[in-house]
Amino acid sequence: MELKNVDLNLLLVFNQLLAERRVSKVAEALGLTQPGVSNALKRLRLLLGDELFVRTARGMEPTPYALRLAEPIGYALSTIHDSLNEVAHFDPATSKRKFTLGMTDIGEMYFLPKLMEILRRQAPGVSVSTVRNTTVNLQDEMEAGHVDLAIGLLPQLKSGYFQRRLFRQRYVCMFRKGHPLDKEGLTVEEFRDADHVTVVASGTGHAIVDQSIERLGIRRNIGLTVPHFVAVGHILSNSAMIATVPERYAMACVQPFNLRYVTHPLALPEININVFWHAKFNKEPANKWLRSLIFDNFADGREA
């Protein structure tokens, strides 16, 4: 016999008859009519080739074959019921879950110190690893569940993904303290004529700033181009160069590298920094917990 030929509802009737032994009770318990229960029993008898239940003065008594089926069918139905009605739960205090986050080097510098301190207090057994948004196929990795969340400016994550904004941030101009431009107000000409270090952050959306500067007709003196932001603080602290960087990255660099940043002289677009997750894991308890934790601790509160 193939399972595809078995109607699960017939097994529900069978299991309930074992418990109630009366058609009327079964009908009441399952929300069926008595003829409906009788018809289900008739179909099950034909399917299994056995009477299954015999009418007696004490009610519907199971046959020996029905009694042999009772335990495995009851166990199977119980397992299905429990699985479908399981209250999904994630306990951060006891979990040993390892999360993988997709983010840039900026994200690591801005989010990870605070996030790891929060996890140390709330989820000491939880660990985190990161992957660069630009070094993996983020769409495939998130769909497969290899990357739990991604954070940043990620225009490539569209269909099949949920996202929630953490904050909007502007671009600023950053340089070392004591730089000739370390003063109140920076003119467009001063910005244009300075020596620049730029970051080619392909795949992250940060390229929008370079495109915007070009559209404004500003030709910078670009002396150095690097593939990531992680070295920019070191470079600026030991040179006369300046850089256009996201403000929250600048905030993280000011103290460690003795830097300063000012409002950018150009009208550059603000960017959204979002948390992304694949729709397959929208209701997965651990995923829900982590993204809620991130939002509660890093969102600027301006999202509707």
Protein backbone atom coordinates (compact mmCIF):
# COMPACT_ATOMS: atom_id res chain seq x y z
CA MET A 1 0.00 0.00 0.00
CA GLU A 2 1.26 3.45 -0.92
CA LEU A 3 0.86 6.37 1.49
CA LYS A 4 -0.40 8.50 -1.37
CA ASN A 5 -3.54 6.31 -1.36
CA VAL A 6 -4.23 6.95 2.34
CA ASP A 7 -6.41 9.85 3.42
CA LEU A 8 -5.07 11.20 6.71
CA ASN A 9 -8.60 12.05 7.81
CA LEU A 10 -9.46 8.33 7.79
CA LEU A 11 -6.66 7.68 10.25
CA LEU A 12 -7.98 10.46 12.48
CA VAL A 13 -11.36 8.72 12.55
CA PHE A 14 -9.66 5.39 13.25
CA ASN A 15 -7.66 6.84 16.14
CA GLN A 16 -10.68 8.57 17.62
CA LEU A 17 -12.78 5.39 17.41
CA LEU A 18 -10.11 3.59 19.40
CA ALA A 19 -10.51 6.18 22.13
CA GLU A 20 -14.29 6.76 22.08
CA ARG A 21 -15.68 3.43 20.81
CA ARG A 22 -18.88 5.22 19.74
CA VAL A 23 -19.63 6.82 16.38
CA SER A 24 -21.60 9.65 17.98
CA LYS A 25 -18.68 10.58 20.24
CA VAL A 26 -16.25 10.49 17.36
CA ALA A 27 -18.51 12.70 15.27
CA GLU A 28 -18.73 15.21 18.11
CA ALA A 29 -14.98 15.21 18.74
CA LEU A 30 -14.03 15.64 15.10
CA GLY A 31 -16.83 18.00 14.10
CA LEU A 32 -18.36 15.49 11.69
CA THR A 33 -21.80 14.01 11.21
CA GLN A 34 -22.45 10.43 12.27
CA PRO A 35 -23.00 9.37 8.63
CA GLY A 36 -19.69 11.05 7.82
CA VAL A 37 -17.90 8.95 10.45
CA SER A 38 -19.62 5.79 9.22
CA ASN A 39 -18.63 6.55 5.65
CA ALA A 40 -15.02 7.15 6.71
CA LEU A 41 -14.96 3.82 8.52
CA LYS A 42 -16.38 2.09 5.44
CA ARG A 43 -13.63 3.56 3.24
CA LEU A 44 -10.96 2.54 5.73
CA ARG A 45 -12.31 -1.04 5.88
CA LEU A 46 -12.10 -1.28 2.10
CA LEU A 47 -8.61 0.20 2.08
CA LEU A 48 -7.21 -2.10 4.78
CA GLY A 49 -9.28 -5.20 4.04
CA ASP A 50 -10.45 -5.64 7.63
CA GLU A 51 -13.61 -4.85 9.63
CA LEU A 52 -11.45 -2.87 12.10
CA PHE A 53 -14.37 -2.21 14.48
CA VAL A 54 -17.28 -4.48 15.34
CA ARG A 55 -20.49 -3.15 16.88
CA THR A 56 -21.19 -4.67 20.34
CA ALA A 57 -23.22 -3.80 23.40
CA ARG A 58 -20.16 -2.03 24.76
CA GLY A 59 -19.69 0.03 21.59
CA MET A 60 -17.37 -0.34 18.63
CA GLU A 61 -14.81 -2.97 19.60
CA PRO A 62 -11.51 -3.06 17.64
CA THR A 63 -10.49 -6.22 15.83
CA PRO A 64 -7.08 -7.80 16.51
CA TYR A 65 -5.75 -6.14 13.34
CA ALA A 66 -7.01 -2.75 14.50
CA LEU A 67 -5.30 -3.25 17.85
CA ARG A 68 -2.01 -4.00 16.08
CA LEU A 69 -2.38 -0.76 14.13
CA ALA A 70 -3.37 1.28 17.16
CA GLU A 71 0.07 2.07 18.56
CA PRO A 72 1.94 2.96 15.34
CA ILE A 73 -0.94 5.03 13.95
CA GLY A 74 -1.44 6.81 17.26
CA TYR A 75 2.28 7.55 17.50
CA ALA A 76 2.43 8.81 13.92
CA LEU A 77 -0.57 11.11 14.35
CA SER A 78 0.80 12.40 17.65
CA THR A 79 4.15 13.16 16.02
CA ILE A 80 2.49 15.01 13.15
CA HIS A 81 0.27 16.95 15.55
CA ASP A 82 3.18 17.94 17.80
CA SER A 83 5.32 18.97 14.86
CA LEU A 84 2.63 21.15 13.35
CA ASN A 85 1.70 22.72 16.66
CA GLU A 86 5.12 23.01 18.18
CA VAL A 87 5.67 26.43 19.70
CA ALA A 88 8.95 27.35 18.13
CA HIS A 89 11.26 28.62 20.83
CA PHE A 90 14.75 30.00 21.05
CA ASP A 91 16.38 30.46 24.42
CA PRO A 92 19.38 32.77 24.03
CA ALA A 93 20.58 32.13 27.57
CA THR A 94 21.19 28.42 26.88
CA SER A 95 21.69 28.33 23.11
CA LYS A 96 24.98 27.31 21.49
CA ARG A 97 23.86 28.64 18.11
CA LYS A 98 26.43 30.02 15.71
CA PHE A 99 25.20 32.91 13.59
CA THR A 100 26.79 34.11 10.38
CA LEU A 101 26.38 37.74 9.39
CA GLY A 102 27.11 39.31 6.04
CA MET A 103 28.60 42.77 6.42
CA THR A 104 31.39 45.05 5.27
CA ASP A 105 34.45 46.03 7.22
CA ILE A 106 32.58 49.19 8.21
CA GLY A 107 29.81 47.03 9.62
CA GLU A 108 32.29 44.99 11.61
CA MET A 109 33.84 48.09 13.13
CA TYR A 110 30.54 49.75 13.93
CA PHE A 111 28.29 46.85 14.98
CA LEU A 112 30.46 44.07 16.37
CA PRO A 113 31.98 45.62 19.51
CA LYS A 114 28.60 46.52 20.97
CA LEU A 115 26.84 43.43 19.60
CA MET A 116 29.38 41.05 21.13
CA GLU A 117 29.10 42.75 24.51
CA ILE A 118 25.31 42.37 24.39
CA LEU A 119 25.65 38.70 23.46
CA ARG A 120 28.12 38.14 26.29
CA ARG A 121 25.44 39.26 28.74
CA GLN A 122 22.31 37.80 27.13
CA ALA A 123 23.53 34.78 25.16
CA PRO A 124 26.95 33.69 26.41
CA GLY A 125 26.88 30.45 24.43
CA VAL A 126 26.07 32.11 21.11
CA SER A 127 28.91 32.77 18.68
CA VAL A 128 29.14 34.93 15.57
CA SER A 129 31.14 34.77 12.38
CA THR A 130 31.09 37.25 9.53
CA VAL A 131 31.49 37.07 5.78
CA ARG A 132 32.13 39.93 3.42
CA ASN A 133 29.09 40.88 1.39
CA THR A 134 31.37 41.13 -1.62
CA THR A 135 33.25 37.82 -1.31
CA VAL A 136 30.31 35.40 -1.34
CA ASN A 137 27.19 35.03 -3.44
CA LEU A 138 25.08 36.59 -0.71
CA GLN A 139 21.76 35.75 -2.35
CA ASP A 140 22.53 32.05 -2.62
CA GLU A 141 24.18 31.82 0.80
CA MET A 142 21.24 33.47 2.56
CA GLU A 143 18.69 31.36 0.70
CA ALA A 144 20.59 28.23 1.74
CA GLY A 145 20.68 29.39 5.37
CA HIS A 146 24.48 29.67 5.44
CA VAL A 147 24.23 33.40 6.17
CA ASP A 148 21.55 34.35 8.68
CA LEU A 149 21.42 38.13 8.25
CA ALA A 150 23.09 40.77 6.15
CA ILE A 151 23.56 44.36 7.21
CA GLY A 152 24.36 47.31 5.02
CA LEU A 153 23.51 49.03 1.79
CA LEU A 154 22.71 46.02 -0.40
CA PRO A 155 20.64 46.88 -3.47
CA GLN A 156 21.13 43.37 -4.91
CA LEU A 157 18.90 41.79 -2.23
CA LYS A 158 15.42 42.31 -3.60
CA SER A 159 12.94 39.55 -4.48
CA GLY A 160 12.61 36.92 -1.75
CA TYR A 161 14.14 39.05 0.99
CA PHE A 162 12.74 41.07 3.84
CA GLN A 163 14.51 44.17 5.04
CA ARG A 164 14.16 46.63 7.87
CA ARG A 165 15.90 49.96 8.12
CA LEU A 166 18.28 50.53 10.99
CA PHE A 167 19.22 54.10 10.21
CA ARG A 168 20.00 56.62 7.54
CA GLN A 169 23.45 58.08 7.45
CA ARG A 170 25.19 60.84 5.62
CA TYR A 171 28.67 61.04 4.20
CA VAL A 172 31.22 63.28 5.88
CA CYS A 173 34.76 64.43 5.19
CA MET A 174 37.40 62.98 7.54
CA PHE A 175 41.06 63.83 8.16
CA ARG A 176 43.62 63.87 11.00
CA LYS A 177 43.48 66.42 13.76
CA GLY A 178 45.75 69.33 12.98
CA HIS A 179 45.21 68.94 9.23
CA PRO A 180 45.24 72.24 7.31
CA LEU A 181 41.50 71.69 6.75
CA ASP A 182 40.88 71.16 10.46
CA LYS A 183 38.66 74.19 10.89
CA GLU A 184 35.04 75.18 10.90
CA GLY A 185 33.54 74.74 7.47
CA LEU A 186 35.06 73.17 4.39
CA THR A 187 34.57 74.75 0.97
CA VAL A 188 34.01 72.84 -2.25
CA GLU A 189 37.29 74.20 -3.60
CA GLU A 190 39.25 73.07 -0.54
CA PHE A 191 37.69 69.65 -0.84
CA ARG A 192 38.45 69.42 -4.55
CA ASP A 193 42.09 70.48 -4.20
CA ALA A 194 42.94 68.21 -1.26
CA ASP A 195 44.69 64.85 -1.63
CA HIS A 196 42.10 62.06 -1.41
CA VAL A 197 42.06 58.42 -0.44
CA THR A 198 39.05 56.61 -1.88
CA VAL A 199 37.52 53.21 -1.29
CA VAL A 200 36.26 50.94 -4.05
CA ALA A 201 33.58 49.04 -2.13
CA SER A 202 32.03 47.13 -5.02
CA GLY A 203 28.81 45.26 -4.32
CA THR A 204 27.90 47.35 -1.28
CA GLY A 205 26.15 50.38 -2.75
CA HIS A 206 28.80 52.79 -1.43
CA ALA A 207 29.87 53.45 -5.02
CA ILE A 208 26.94 55.86 -5.10
CA VAL A 209 29.10 58.51 -3.41
CA ASP A 210 31.75 58.46 -6.15
CA GLN A 211 29.04 58.61 -8.81
CA SER A 212 27.44 61.58 -7.07
CA ILE A 213 30.74 63.48 -6.84
CA GLU A 214 31.38 62.86 -10.53
CA ARG A 215 27.89 64.04 -11.48
CA LEU A 216 28.57 67.28 -9.60
CA GLY A 217 31.57 67.84 -11.86
CA ILE A 218 34.18 67.60 -9.09
CA ARG A 219 37.54 66.24 -10.19
CA ARG A 220 39.42 65.15 -7.08
CA ASN A 221 43.12 64.60 -6.62
CA ILE A 222 42.92 60.90 -5.85
CA GLY A 223 46.31 59.77 -4.64
CA LEU A 224 45.30 56.41 -3.21
CA THR A 225 42.54 53.89 -3.84
CA VAL A 226 41.99 50.95 -1.50
CA PRO A 227 39.53 48.02 -1.68
CA HIS A 228 38.10 48.42 1.82
CA PHE A 229 37.61 50.92 4.63
CA VAL A 230 39.55 49.11 7.35
CA ALA A 231 42.88 50.82 6.55
CA VAL A 232 41.51 54.33 6.02
CA GLY A 233 41.81 55.38 9.66
CA HIS A 234 45.48 54.37 9.75
CA ILE A 235 46.18 56.13 6.46
CA LEU A 236 44.53 59.41 7.44
CA SER A 237 46.17 59.51 10.86
CA ASN A 238 49.62 59.45 9.29
CA SER A 239 49.12 61.57 6.19
CA ALA A 240 47.65 64.81 4.89
CA MET A 241 45.01 62.98 2.91
CA ILE A 242 41.25 63.26 3.38
CA ALA A 243 38.44 60.79 2.75
CA THR A 244 34.71 60.83 2.14
CA VAL A 245 33.23 58.21 4.46
CA PRO A 246 29.91 57.24 6.09
CA GLU A 247 29.38 59.20 9.28
CA ARG A 248 29.05 56.23 11.62
CA TYR A 249 32.31 54.85 10.35
CA ALA A 250 33.87 58.24 11.06
CA MET A 251 32.42 58.15 14.58
CA ALA A 252 34.19 54.84 15.19
CA CYS A 253 37.53 56.16 13.89
CA VAL A 254 37.78 59.55 15.56
CA GLN A 255 39.09 58.47 18.94
CA PRO A 256 41.30 55.50 18.05
CA PHE A 257 43.08 57.32 15.22
CA ASN A 258 42.98 60.91 16.49
CA LEU A 259 40.86 62.05 13.56
CA ARG A 260 38.18 64.63 12.96
CA TYR A 261 35.29 64.83 10.54
CA VAL A 262 33.17 67.70 9.27
CA THR A 263 29.98 68.14 7.29
CA HIS A 264 30.63 67.36 3.67
CA PRO A 265 30.73 70.44 1.41
CA LEU A 266 28.89 68.57 -1.36
CA ALA A 267 25.21 67.67 -1.34
CA LEU A 268 25.62 63.90 -1.27
CA PRO A 269 22.67 61.51 -0.86
CA GLU A 270 22.06 59.87 2.48
CA ILE A 271 22.04 56.08 2.50
CA ASN A 272 19.87 53.50 4.22
CA ILE A 273 21.56 50.86 6.32
CA ASN A 274 19.20 47.90 6.54
CA VAL A 275 19.01 44.44 8.05
CA PHE A 276 18.18 41.81 5.41
CA TRP A 277 16.95 38.24 5.85
CA HIS A 278 15.60 35.63 3.47
CA ALA A 279 11.84 35.05 3.45
CA LYS A 280 12.39 31.33 4.18
CA PHE A 281 13.63 32.24 7.65
CA ASN A 282 11.18 35.01 8.44
CA LYS A 283 9.57 32.98 11.25
CA GLU A 284 12.63 31.00 12.33
CA PRO A 285 12.93 31.73 16.08
CA ALA A 286 16.68 32.27 16.29
CA ASN A 287 16.67 34.49 13.23
CA LYS A 288 13.79 36.54 14.63
CA TRP A 289 15.57 36.91 17.95
CA LEU A 290 18.84 38.11 16.47
CA ARG A 291 17.34 40.64 14.09
CA SER A 292 15.13 42.00 16.87
CA LEU A 293 18.20 42.31 19.09
CA ILE A 294 20.06 44.20 16.38
CA PHE A 295 17.15 46.49 15.67
CA ASP A 296 16.50 47.22 19.33
CA ASN A 297 20.11 48.22 19.90
CA PHE A 298 21.12 49.90 16.66
CA ALA A 299 18.04 51.43 15.02
CA ASP A 300 17.76 55.18 15.22
CA GLY A 301 14.00 55.05 15.89
CA ARG A 302 13.02 57.03 12.82
CA GLU A 303 11.54 54.10 10.95
CA ALA A 304 7.77 54.15 10.68
